[in-house]
C-alpha atoms as a PDB file:
ATOM      1  CA  MET A   1      -8.038 -30.937  -6.454  1.00  0.00           C
ATOM      2  CA  ILE A   2      -6.860 -27.337  -6.244  1.00  0.00           C
ATOM      3  CA  LYS A   3      -5.319 -25.790  -9.336  1.00  0.00           C
ATOM      4  CA  ALA A   4      -3.666 -22.424  -8.640  1.00  0.00           C
ATOM      5  CA  ALA A   5      -2.450 -19.674 -10.969  1.00  0.00           C
ATOM      6  CA  PHE A   6       0.130 -17.136  -9.856  1.00  0.00           C
ATOM      7  CA  VAL A   7      -0.368 -14.180 -12.222  1.00  0.00           C
ATOM      8  CA  LEU A   8       2.815 -12.276 -13.122  1.00  0.00           C
ATOM      9  CA  TYR A   9       3.633  -9.309 -15.346  1.00  0.00           C
ATOM     10  CA  ASP A  10       6.483  -6.872 -15.905  1.00  0.00           C
ATOM     11  CA  GLY A  11       6.778  -4.447 -13.010  1.00  0.00           C
ATOM     12  CA  VAL A  12       5.609  -6.970 -10.405  1.00  0.00           C
ATOM     13  CA  THR A  13       6.903  -6.689  -6.848  1.00  0.00           C
ATOM     14  CA  MET A  14       8.612 -10.042  -6.375  1.00  0.00           C
ATOM     15  CA  LEU A  15       8.066 -10.192  -2.608  1.00  0.00           C
ATOM     16  CA  ASP A  16       4.323  -9.870  -3.238  1.00  0.00           C
ATOM     17  CA  PHE A  17       4.602 -12.989  -5.411  1.00  0.00           C
ATOM     18  CA  VAL A  18       7.070 -15.013  -3.322  1.00  0.00           C
ATOM     19  CA  GLY A  19       5.388 -14.108  -0.029  1.00  0.00           C
ATOM     20  CA  MET A  20       2.226 -15.897  -1.215  1.00  0.00           C
ATOM     21  CA  TYR A  21       3.987 -18.586  -3.236  1.00  0.00           C
ATOM     22  CA  ASP A  22       6.056 -19.986  -0.370  1.00  0.00           C
ATOM     23  CA  PRO A  23       3.269 -20.830   2.110  1.00  0.00           C
ATOM     24  CA  ILE A  24       0.776 -21.882  -0.580  1.00  0.00           C
ATOM     25  CA  THR A  25       3.190 -24.361  -2.188  1.00  0.00           C
ATOM     26  CA  ARG A  26       4.070 -25.743   1.250  1.00  0.00           C
ATOM     27  CA  LEU A  27       0.500 -27.046   1.413  1.00  0.00           C
ATOM     28  CA  LYS A  28       1.710 -29.679  -1.048  1.00  0.00           C
ATOM     29  CA  SER A  29       5.342 -30.111  -0.007  1.00  0.00           C
ATOM     30  CA  MET A  30       4.357 -30.580   3.635  1.00  0.00           C
ATOM     31  CA  GLY A  31       1.599 -33.080   2.772  1.00  0.00           C
ATOM     32  CA  PHE A  32      -1.505 -31.044   3.626  1.00  0.00           C
ATOM     33  CA  LYS A  33      -2.912 -30.820   0.074  1.00  0.00           C
ATOM     34  CA  GLU A  34      -1.331 -33.506  -2.105  1.00  0.00           C
ATOM     35  CA  ASP A  35      -3.676 -32.599  -4.978  1.00  0.00           C
ATOM     36  CA  LEU A  36      -2.511 -28.961  -5.190  1.00  0.00           C
ATOM     37  CA  THR A  37      -0.959 -27.948  -8.513  1.00  0.00           C
ATOM     38  CA  TRP A  38       0.076 -24.524  -9.745  1.00  0.00           C
ATOM     39  CA  ASP A  39       1.281 -22.608 -12.753  1.00  0.00           C
ATOM     40  CA  ILE A  40       3.153 -19.344 -12.999  1.00  0.00           C
ATOM     41  CA  CYS A  41       1.001 -17.532 -15.549  1.00  0.00           C
ATOM     42  CA  GLY A  42       2.307 -14.444 -17.240  1.00  0.00           C
ATOM     43  CA  PHE A  43       1.235 -11.738 -19.605  1.00  0.00           C
ATOM     44  CA  THR A  44       4.567 -12.348 -21.385  1.00  0.00           C
ATOM     45  CA  GLU A  45       7.150 -15.175 -21.345  1.00  0.00           C
ATOM     46  CA  HIS A  46       9.112 -13.507 -18.547  1.00  0.00           C
ATOM     47  CA  ALA A  47       8.089 -11.197 -15.741  1.00  0.00           C
ATOM     48  CA  ALA A  48      10.639  -8.759 -14.345  1.00  0.00           C
ATOM     49  CA  ASP A  49      10.466  -6.454 -11.372  1.00  0.00           C
ATOM     50  CA  THR A  50      11.643  -2.846 -11.646  1.00  0.00           C
ATOM     51  CA  ASN A  51      15.197  -3.869 -10.673  1.00  0.00           C
ATOM     52  CA  GLY A  52      15.528  -6.583 -13.315  1.00  0.00           C
ATOM     53  CA  LEU A  53      14.852  -9.736 -11.263  1.00  0.00           C
ATOM     54  CA  THR A  54      13.163 -12.004 -13.798  1.00  0.00           C
ATOM     55  CA  VAL A  55      10.951 -15.081 -13.556  1.00  0.00           C
ATOM     56  CA  GLN A  56      10.204 -17.315 -16.514  1.00  0.00           C
ATOM     57  CA  VAL A  57       6.511 -18.139 -16.593  1.00  0.00           C
ATOM     58  CA  ASP A  58       5.002 -21.577 -17.227  1.00  0.00           C
ATOM     59  CA  LYS A  59       2.096 -20.361 -19.360  1.00  0.00           C
ATOM     60  CA  VAL A  60       1.658 -17.139 -21.328  1.00  0.00           C
ATOM     61  CA  ARG A  61      -1.861 -15.683 -21.140  1.00  0.00           C
ATOM     62  CA  PRO A  62      -3.681 -18.973 -20.582  1.00  0.00           C
ATOM     63  CA  SER A  63      -7.380 -18.898 -19.960  1.00  0.00           C
ATOM     64  CA  LEU A  64      -7.697 -18.420 -16.219  1.00  0.00           C
ATOM     65  CA  ALA A  65     -11.007 -20.297 -16.282  1.00  0.00           C
ATOM     66  CA  GLU A  66      -9.200 -23.586 -15.559  1.00  0.00           C
ATOM     67  CA  TYR A  67      -7.949 -22.417 -12.136  1.00  0.00           C
ATOM     68  CA  ASP A  68      -9.614 -22.719  -8.727  1.00  0.00           C
ATOM     69  CA  LEU A  69      -7.266 -20.255  -7.016  1.00  0.00           C
ATOM     70  CA  ILE A  70      -5.862 -17.147  -8.674  1.00  0.00           C
ATOM     71  CA  LEU A  71      -3.169 -15.127  -6.902  1.00  0.00           C
ATOM     72  CA  ILE A  72      -2.263 -11.650  -8.103  1.00  0.00           C
ATOM     73  CA  PRO A  73       0.704  -9.751  -6.656  1.00  0.00           C
ATOM     74  CA  GLY A  74       1.090  -5.995  -6.859  1.00  0.00           C
ATOM     75  CA  GLY A  75       3.744  -3.822  -8.409  1.00  0.00           C
ATOM     76  CA  PHE A  76       4.270  -0.356  -9.813  1.00  0.00           C
ATOM     77  CA  SER A  77       2.975  -1.309 -13.261  1.00  0.00           C
ATOM     78  CA  THR A  78      -0.488  -2.037 -11.832  1.00  0.00           C
ATOM     79  CA  ARG A  79      -1.176   1.683 -12.169  1.00  0.00           C
ATOM     80  CA  THR A  80      -0.965   1.276 -15.962  1.00  0.00           C
ATOM     81  CA  LEU A  81      -2.204  -2.304 -16.316  1.00  0.00           C
ATOM     82  CA  GLN A  82      -5.453  -1.592 -14.461  1.00  0.00           C
ATOM     83  CA  SER A  83      -6.564   0.329 -17.589  1.00  0.00           C
ATOM     84  CA  ASP A  84      -4.883  -1.872 -20.208  1.00  0.00           C
ATOM     85  CA  PRO A  85      -7.665  -3.481 -22.316  1.00  0.00           C
ATOM     86  CA  ALA A  86      -5.668  -6.623 -23.175  1.00  0.00           C
ATOM     87  CA  PHE A  87      -4.637  -7.217 -19.554  1.00  0.00           C
ATOM     88  CA  LYS A  88      -8.186  -6.650 -18.293  1.00  0.00           C
ATOM     89  CA  ASP A  89      -9.539  -9.040 -20.953  1.00  0.00           C
ATOM     90  CA  TRP A  90      -7.075 -11.681 -19.778  1.00  0.00           C
ATOM     91  CA  LEU A  91      -8.093 -11.286 -16.122  1.00  0.00           C
ATOM     92  CA  GLN A  92     -11.745 -11.495 -17.114  1.00  0.00           C
ATOM     93  CA  THR A  93     -11.180 -15.110 -18.223  1.00  0.00           C
ATOM     94  CA  MET A  94     -11.158 -16.124 -14.519  1.00  0.00           C
ATOM     95  CA  ASN A  95     -13.464 -18.910 -13.444  1.00  0.00           C
ATOM     96  CA  ALA A  96     -16.581 -17.383 -11.864  1.00  0.00           C
ATOM     97  CA  LYS A  97     -16.210 -19.795  -8.918  1.00  0.00           C
ATOM     98  CA  ALA A  98     -12.464 -19.347  -8.367  1.00  0.00           C
ATOM     99  CA  LEU A  99     -11.052 -17.949  -5.151  1.00  0.00           C
ATOM    100  CA  ILE A 100      -9.209 -14.778  -6.151  1.00  0.00           C
ATOM    101  CA  ALA A 101      -6.531 -13.206  -3.975  1.00  0.00           C
ATOM    102  CA  SER A 102      -4.351 -10.138  -4.392  1.00  0.00           C
ATOM    103  CA  VAL A 103      -1.572  -8.427  -2.504  1.00  0.00           C
ATOM    104  CA  CYS A 104      -0.825  -4.725  -2.402  1.00  0.00           C
ATOM    105  CA  SER A 105      -1.719  -2.910  -5.614  1.00  0.00           C
ATOM    106  CA  GLY A 106      -2.770  -6.195  -7.218  1.00  0.00           C
ATOM    107  CA  SER A 107      -6.219  -5.119  -6.018  1.00  0.00           C
ATOM    108  CA  LEU A 108      -6.077  -2.287  -8.595  1.00  0.00           C
ATOM    109  CA  LEU A 109      -5.942  -4.980 -11.280  1.00  0.00           C
ATOM    110  CA  LEU A 110      -8.996  -6.672  -9.781  1.00  0.00           C
ATOM    111  CA  GLY A 111     -10.787  -3.337  -9.659  1.00  0.00           C
ATOM    112  CA  GLY A 112      -9.876  -2.478 -13.234  1.00  0.00           C
ATOM    113  CA  ALA A 113     -11.199  -5.852 -14.398  1.00  0.00           C
ATOM    114  CA  GLY A 114     -14.514  -5.287 -12.579  1.00  0.00           C
ATOM    115  CA  TYR A 115     -14.154  -7.774  -9.709  1.00  0.00           C
ATOM    116  CA  LEU A 116     -14.435  -5.337  -6.788  1.00  0.00           C
ATOM    117  CA  THR A 117     -17.783  -3.686  -7.492  1.00  0.00           C
ATOM    118  CA  ASP A 118     -19.885  -3.553  -4.297  1.00  0.00           C
ATOM    119  CA  ARG A 119     -17.056  -5.108  -2.280  1.00  0.00           C
ATOM    120  CA  LYS A 120     -14.546  -4.026   0.319  1.00  0.00           C
ATOM    121  CA  ALA A 121     -10.823  -4.413  -0.419  1.00  0.00           C
ATOM    122  CA  THR A 122      -7.433  -3.312   0.825  1.00  0.00           C
ATOM    123  CA  THR A 123      -4.149  -2.328  -0.756  1.00  0.00           C
ATOM    124  CA  HIS A 124      -0.901  -0.561   0.043  1.00  0.00           C
ATOM    125  CA  PRO A 125      -1.701   2.770   1.751  1.00  0.00           C
ATOM    126  CA  ASN A 126      -0.126   4.645  -1.182  1.00  0.00           C
ATOM    127  CA  ALA A 127      -2.639   3.067  -3.599  1.00  0.00           C
ATOM    128  CA  ARG A 128      -5.754   3.367  -1.450  1.00  0.00           C
ATOM    129  CA  THR A 129      -6.989   6.548  -3.156  1.00  0.00           C
ATOM    130  CA  GLN A 130      -6.751   4.841  -6.561  1.00  0.00           C
ATOM    131  CA  LEU A 131      -8.570   1.774  -5.213  1.00  0.00           C
ATOM    132  CA  LYS A 132     -11.493   3.918  -3.988  1.00  0.00           C
ATOM    133  CA  VAL A 133     -12.558   4.321  -7.628  1.00  0.00           C
ATOM    134  CA  TYR A 134     -13.529   0.625  -7.657  1.00  0.00           C
ATOM    135  CA  CYS A 135     -14.761  -0.272  -4.180  1.00  0.00           C
ATOM    136  CA  ASN A 136     -14.989   0.500  -0.491  1.00  0.00           C
ATOM    137  CA  THR A 137     -11.468   0.493   0.922  1.00  0.00           C
ATOM    138  CA  SER A 138     -10.132  -0.742   4.207  1.00  0.00           C
ATOM    139  CA  ALA A 139      -6.883  -0.357   6.140  1.00  0.00           C
ATOM    140  CA  GLU A 140      -7.126  -3.953   7.395  1.00  0.00           C
ATOM    141  CA  ARG A 141      -4.153  -6.237   6.731  1.00  0.00           C
ATOM    142  CA  VAL A 142      -6.332  -8.888   5.047  1.00  0.00           C
ATOM    143  CA  VAL A 143      -9.893  -8.403   3.814  1.00  0.00           C
ATOM    144  CA  ASP A 144     -11.953 -11.524   3.086  1.00  0.00           C
ATOM    145  CA  GLU A 145     -15.034 -10.899   0.960  1.00  0.00           C
ATOM    146  CA  GLY A 146     -15.750 -14.578   0.344  1.00  0.00           C
ATOM    147  CA  GLN A 147     -14.618 -15.194  -3.216  1.00  0.00           C
ATOM    148  CA  ILE A 148     -12.101 -12.341  -3.159  1.00  0.00           C
ATOM    149  CA  VAL A 149      -9.389 -11.874  -0.532  1.00  0.00           C
ATOM    150  CA  THR A 150      -7.105  -8.840  -0.626  1.00  0.00           C
ATOM    151  CA  ALA A 151      -4.029  -8.057   1.438  1.00  0.00           C
ATOM    152  CA  ARG A 152      -2.487  -4.695   2.225  1.00  0.00           C
ATOM    153  CA  GLY A 153       1.180  -3.865   1.470  1.00  0.00           C
ATOM    154  CA  VAL A 154       4.072  -6.014   0.314  1.00  0.00           C
ATOM    155  CA  SER A 155       4.887  -7.603   3.688  1.00  0.00           C
ATOM    156  CA  SER A 156       1.277  -8.764   4.043  1.00  0.00           C
ATOM    157  CA  SER A 157       1.884 -11.279   1.239  1.00  0.00           C
ATOM    158  CA  ILE A 158       3.097 -13.806   3.812  1.00  0.00           C
ATOM    159  CA  ASP A 159       0.032 -13.113   5.970  1.00  0.00           C
ATOM    160  CA  LEU A 160      -2.185 -13.682   2.939  1.00  0.00           C
ATOM    161  CA  GLY A 161      -0.402 -16.917   2.022  1.00  0.00           C
ATOM    162  CA  LEU A 162      -0.840 -18.283   5.549  1.00  0.00           C
ATOM    163  CA  TYR A 163      -4.444 -17.049   5.666  1.00  0.00           C
ATOM    164  CA  LEU A 164      -5.197 -18.986   2.483  1.00  0.00           C
ATOM    165  CA  CYS A 165      -3.411 -22.052   3.876  1.00  0.00           C
ATOM    166  CA  ARG A 166      -5.766 -21.963   6.847  1.00  0.00           C
ATOM    167  CA  ARG A 167      -8.751 -21.505   4.554  1.00  0.00           C
ATOM    168  CA  PHE A 168      -7.781 -24.545   2.433  1.00  0.00           C
ATOM    169  CA  ALA A 169      -6.294 -26.892   5.038  1.00  0.00           C
ATOM    170  CA  GLY A 170      -7.302 -25.649   8.484  1.00  0.00           C
ATOM    171  CA  GLU A 171      -5.688 -24.028  11.505  1.00  0.00           C
ATOM    172  CA  LYS A 172      -3.254 -26.854  12.298  1.00  0.00           C
ATOM    173  CA  ALA A 173      -1.841 -26.894   8.767  1.00  0.00           C
ATOM    174  CA  ALA A 174      -1.442 -23.110   8.686  1.00  0.00           C
ATOM    175  CA  GLU A 175       0.268 -23.157  12.081  1.00  0.00           C
ATOM    176  CA  ALA A 176       2.652 -25.944  10.994  1.00  0.00           C
ATOM    177  CA  ILE A 177       3.549 -24.023   7.831  1.00  0.00           C
ATOM    178  CA  LYS A 178       4.048 -20.844   9.860  1.00  0.00           C
ATOM    179  CA  ILE A 179       6.426 -22.683  12.206  1.00  0.00           C
ATOM    180  CA  GLN A 180       8.326 -24.262   9.321  1.00  0.00           C
ATOM    181  CA  MET A 181       8.718 -20.801   7.759  1.00  0.00           C
ATOM    182  CA  ASP A 182       9.884 -19.441  11.147  1.00  0.00           C
ATOM    183  CA  TYR A 183       7.307 -16.680  10.821  1.00  0.00           C
ATOM    184  CA  GLU A 184       6.653 -14.857  14.059  1.00  0.00           C
ATOM    185  CA  GLY A 185       3.503 -12.964  13.098  1.00  0.00           C
ATOM    186  CA  ASP A 186       0.062 -14.027  14.230  1.00  0.00           C
ATOM    187  CA  LEU A 187      -2.216 -15.934  11.879  1.00  0.00           C
ATOM    188  CA  LEU A 188      -4.897 -13.555  10.692  1.00  0.00           C
END
């Protein structure tokens, strides 16, 4: 069984979230991982992007220890949240064995919570200098450090979602999901 948490907060970039959400949830809807479940987990009851698009979350600040896969999108508010004690405390409830993935400046949140020490990670080019405080940075589109996988800018969220599909269900499943999504990029 795979239990996933999509972590949302005010100021999130919705494409970061949806770009991962779509391929990951297709693992279940297309029959590749029938035992996949997920929750939209938020720091508050609703998460809004900077333009007002709002998502209602399933669970507010649950312990993240119950999840096997934790997905963290980026957004402009990561610059503040990376230093927010309450937000960092919440992220630090993650299961020590969980696979953790972030897109764009979501890696700043991982760095702020202490998950990137002695690792390599990537982020949006505009946030790379800030990320250097926490880890070795890379310009790669997706960086896989075993337990932690980071993806570059907002459009790489789809690449990350498909990458994780391949990791959980294999090449054929990832390719089938890619075709169903009509995505023309290469699998990373």
